[in-house]
Amino acid sequence: MVTAANIAIGALAVLHAYFLVLEMFLWDKPYGRRVFKLTPEFAAASKSLAANQGLYNGFLAAGLVWGLALGTAGFQIKLFFIVCVIIAGLFGAATANRIILFVQALPGIVALALLLAT
């Protein structure tokens, strides 16, 4: 079960690193606009806000990797950052787009369940 939890947490970290890249570097590029369904004008106007959001996703990824690097001693760190991911996903789903519930919160919930089962 520990291995499954660590794989899920690692995947969650990779997912948030991907969000960082999308929001910080690709937001106003064709790929980023396509992913987020943005007009060029909106993407340009909101680029700095998206970069800030991407940075926070990077912190989530870094925290998850930190917890993994600590092994069993990192349980509390992993727990904290997974809960942060879930809360951010729930908030995003409630305030921005429901798809965030499935893209961010649900993977976090799966990782949390596996972590708590260890």
C-alpha atoms as a PDB file:
ATOM      1  CA  MET A   1       0.000   0.000   0.000  1.00  0.00           C
ATOM      2  CA  VAL A   2       2.923   2.345   0.699  1.00  0.00           C
ATOM      3  CA  THR A   3       4.125   1.944  -2.863  1.00  0.00           C
ATOM      4  CA  ALA A   4       0.671   2.698  -4.290  1.00  0.00           C
ATOM      5  CA  ALA A   5       0.405   5.790  -2.092  1.00  0.00           C
ATOM      6  CA  ASN A   6       3.836   7.014  -3.136  1.00  0.00           C
ATOM      7  CA  ILE A   7       3.039   6.472  -6.813  1.00  0.00           C
ATOM      8  CA  ALA A   8      -0.215   8.434  -6.444  1.00  0.00           C
ATOM      9  CA  ILE A   9       1.592  11.233  -4.577  1.00  0.00           C
ATOM     10  CA  GLY A  10       4.320  11.300  -7.214  1.00  0.00           C
ATOM     11  CA  ALA A  11       1.702  11.514  -9.960  1.00  0.00           C
ATOM     12  CA  LEU A  12       0.012  14.347  -8.071  1.00  0.00           C
ATOM     13  CA  ALA A  13       3.357  16.186  -7.886  1.00  0.00           C
ATOM     14  CA  VAL A  14       3.927  15.712 -11.633  1.00  0.00           C
ATOM     15  CA  LEU A  15       0.401  16.956 -12.320  1.00  0.00           C
ATOM     16  CA  HIS A  16       1.050  20.136 -10.340  1.00  0.00           C
ATOM     17  CA  ALA A  17       4.412  20.652 -12.032  1.00  0.00           C
ATOM     18  CA  TYR A  18       2.496  20.415 -15.328  1.00  0.00           C
ATOM     19  CA  PHE A  19       0.032  23.027 -14.051  1.00  0.00           C
ATOM     20  CA  LEU A  20       3.024  25.244 -13.209  1.00  0.00           C
ATOM     21  CA  VAL A  21       4.333  24.990 -16.777  1.00  0.00           C
ATOM     22  CA  LEU A  22       0.904  25.604 -18.292  1.00  0.00           C
ATOM     23  CA  GLU A  23       0.138  28.623 -16.144  1.00  0.00           C
ATOM     24  CA  MET A  24       3.575  30.234 -15.933  1.00  0.00           C
ATOM     25  CA  PHE A  25       4.970  29.614 -19.400  1.00  0.00           C
ATOM     26  CA  LEU A  26       2.226  28.484 -21.786  1.00  0.00           C
ATOM     27  CA  TRP A  27      -0.786  30.542 -20.648  1.00  0.00           C
ATOM     28  CA  ASP A  28      -0.732  32.900 -23.629  1.00  0.00           C
ATOM     29  CA  LYS A  29       0.721  30.425 -26.122  1.00  0.00           C
ATOM     30  CA  PRO A  30      -1.532  28.466 -28.504  1.00  0.00           C
ATOM     31  CA  TYR A  31      -1.331  25.262 -26.449  1.00  0.00           C
ATOM     32  CA  GLY A  32      -2.121  27.010 -23.164  1.00  0.00           C
ATOM     33  CA  ARG A  33      -4.978  28.990 -24.699  1.00  0.00           C
ATOM     34  CA  ARG A  34      -6.397  25.778 -26.138  1.00  0.00           C
ATOM     35  CA  VAL A  35      -6.160  23.922 -22.809  1.00  0.00           C
ATOM     36  CA  PHE A  36      -7.882  26.714 -20.894  1.00  0.00           C
ATOM     37  CA  LYS A  37     -10.154  27.820 -23.776  1.00  0.00           C
ATOM     38  CA  LEU A  38      -8.882  31.409 -23.675  1.00  0.00           C
ATOM     39  CA  THR A  39      -9.012  34.179 -26.212  1.00  0.00           C
ATOM     40  CA  PRO A  40      -5.656  35.759 -27.040  1.00  0.00           C
ATOM     41  CA  GLU A  41      -6.855  39.005 -25.456  1.00  0.00           C
ATOM     42  CA  PHE A  42      -7.913  37.386 -22.177  1.00  0.00           C
ATOM     43  CA  ALA A  43      -4.722  35.321 -22.019  1.00  0.00           C
ATOM     44  CA  ALA A  44      -2.597  38.442 -22.463  1.00  0.00           C
ATOM     45  CA  ALA A  45      -4.585  40.401 -19.880  1.00  0.00           C
ATOM     46  CA  SER A  46      -4.469  37.631 -17.255  1.00  0.00           C
ATOM     47  CA  LYS A  47      -0.932  36.349 -17.873  1.00  0.00           C
ATOM     48  CA  SER A  48       0.557  37.670 -14.614  1.00  0.00           C
ATOM     49  CA  LEU A  49      -2.334  36.271 -12.550  1.00  0.00           C
ATOM     50  CA  ALA A  50      -1.898  32.874 -14.181  1.00  0.00           C
ATOM     51  CA  ALA A  51       1.848  32.941 -13.535  1.00  0.00           C
ATOM     52  CA  ASN A  52       1.173  33.618  -9.857  1.00  0.00           C
ATOM     53  CA  GLN A  53      -1.270  30.702  -9.769  1.00  0.00           C
ATOM     54  CA  GLY A  54       1.290  28.505 -11.505  1.00  0.00           C
ATOM     55  CA  LEU A  55       3.883  29.376  -8.903  1.00  0.00           C
ATOM     56  CA  TYR A  56       1.541  28.176  -6.150  1.00  0.00           C
ATOM     57  CA  ASN A  57       1.051  24.914  -8.026  1.00  0.00           C
ATOM     58  CA  GLY A  58       4.824  24.599  -8.120  1.00  0.00           C
ATOM     59  CA  PHE A  59       4.951  24.976  -4.345  1.00  0.00           C
ATOM     60  CA  LEU A  60       2.392  22.183  -4.011  1.00  0.00           C
ATOM     61  CA  ALA A  61       4.493  19.953  -6.274  1.00  0.00           C
ATOM     62  CA  ALA A  62       7.655  20.788  -4.322  1.00  0.00           C
ATOM     63  CA  GLY A  63       5.984  19.979  -1.017  1.00  0.00           C
ATOM     64  CA  LEU A  64       4.769  16.624  -2.283  1.00  0.00           C
ATOM     65  CA  VAL A  65       8.247  15.770  -3.582  1.00  0.00           C
ATOM     66  CA  TRP A  66       9.728  16.870  -0.248  1.00  0.00           C
ATOM     67  CA  GLY A  67       7.382  14.518   1.594  1.00  0.00           C
ATOM     68  CA  LEU A  68       8.285  11.667  -0.739  1.00  0.00           C
ATOM     69  CA  ALA A  69      12.002  12.342  -0.315  1.00  0.00           C
ATOM     70  CA  LEU A  70      11.660  11.981   3.455  1.00  0.00           C
ATOM     71  CA  GLY A  71      10.220   8.476   3.114  1.00  0.00           C
ATOM     72  CA  THR A  72       8.186   7.297   6.084  1.00  0.00           C
ATOM     73  CA  ALA A  73       9.335  10.353   8.055  1.00  0.00           C
ATOM     74  CA  GLY A  74       7.529  12.512   5.489  1.00  0.00           C
ATOM     75  CA  PHE A  75       4.026  11.260   6.297  1.00  0.00           C
ATOM     76  CA  GLN A  76       2.882  14.554   7.874  1.00  0.00           C
ATOM     77  CA  ILE A  77       4.410  16.617   5.045  1.00  0.00           C
ATOM     78  CA  LYS A  78       2.668  14.470   2.413  1.00  0.00           C
ATOM     79  CA  LEU A  79      -0.593  14.687   4.356  1.00  0.00           C
ATOM     80  CA  PHE A  80      -0.402  18.477   4.626  1.00  0.00           C
ATOM     81  CA  PHE A  81       0.321  19.069   0.938  1.00  0.00           C
ATOM     82  CA  ILE A  82      -2.280  16.566  -0.258  1.00  0.00           C
ATOM     83  CA  VAL A  83      -4.906  18.303   1.877  1.00  0.00           C
ATOM     84  CA  CYS A  84      -3.772  21.638   0.388  1.00  0.00           C
ATOM     85  CA  VAL A  85      -4.227  20.175  -3.114  1.00  0.00           C
ATOM     86  CA  ILE A  86      -7.717  18.953  -2.254  1.00  0.00           C
ATOM     87  CA  ILE A  87      -8.774  22.275  -0.727  1.00  0.00           C
ATOM     88  CA  ALA A  88      -7.415  24.187  -3.727  1.00  0.00           C
ATOM     89  CA  GLY A  89      -9.230  21.803  -6.061  1.00  0.00           C
ATOM     90  CA  LEU A  90     -12.520  22.166  -4.217  1.00  0.00           C
ATOM     91  CA  PHE A  91     -12.191  25.944  -4.136  1.00  0.00           C
ATOM     92  CA  GLY A  92     -11.296  26.064  -7.829  1.00  0.00           C
ATOM     93  CA  ALA A  93     -14.247  23.847  -8.707  1.00  0.00           C
ATOM     94  CA  ALA A  94     -16.596  26.066  -6.698  1.00  0.00           C
ATOM     95  CA  THR A  95     -15.291  29.386  -7.998  1.00  0.00           C
ATOM     96  CA  ALA A  96     -13.743  28.850 -11.428  1.00  0.00           C
ATOM     97  CA  ASN A  97     -14.589  25.625 -13.258  1.00  0.00           C
ATOM     98  CA  ARG A  98     -16.133  22.342 -12.131  1.00  0.00           C
ATOM     99  CA  ILE A  99     -13.618  20.347 -14.163  1.00  0.00           C
ATOM    100  CA  ILE A 100     -11.034  21.285 -11.505  1.00  0.00           C
ATOM    101  CA  LEU A 101     -12.864  18.933  -9.168  1.00  0.00           C
ATOM    102  CA  PHE A 102     -11.882  15.997 -11.385  1.00  0.00           C
ATOM    103  CA  VAL A 103      -8.468  17.231 -12.511  1.00  0.00           C
ATOM    104  CA  GLN A 104      -7.129  18.368  -9.135  1.00  0.00           C
ATOM    105  CA  ALA A 105      -9.332  17.431  -6.177  1.00  0.00           C
ATOM    106  CA  LEU A 106     -10.148  13.850  -7.185  1.00  0.00           C
ATOM    107  CA  PRO A 107      -6.504  12.799  -7.733  1.00  0.00           C
ATOM    108  CA  GLY A 108      -5.748  14.398  -4.362  1.00  0.00           C
ATOM    109  CA  ILE A 109      -8.548  12.459  -2.694  1.00  0.00           C
ATOM    110  CA  VAL A 110      -7.237   9.209  -4.185  1.00  0.00           C
ATOM    111  CA  ALA A 111      -3.702  10.000  -2.974  1.00  0.00           C
ATOM    112  CA  LEU A 112      -5.060  10.886   0.480  1.00  0.00           C
ATOM    113  CA  ALA A 113      -7.028   7.657   0.743  1.00  0.00           C
ATOM    114  CA  LEU A 114      -3.975   5.614  -0.226  1.00  0.00           C
ATOM    115  CA  LEU A 115      -1.727   7.535   2.180  1.00  0.00           C
ATOM    116  CA  LEU A 116      -4.136   7.032   5.066  1.00  0.00           C
ATOM    117  CA  ALA A 117      -4.364   3.324   4.250  1.00  0.00           C
ATOM    118  CA  THR A 118      -0.619   2.877   4.815  1.00  0.00           C
END
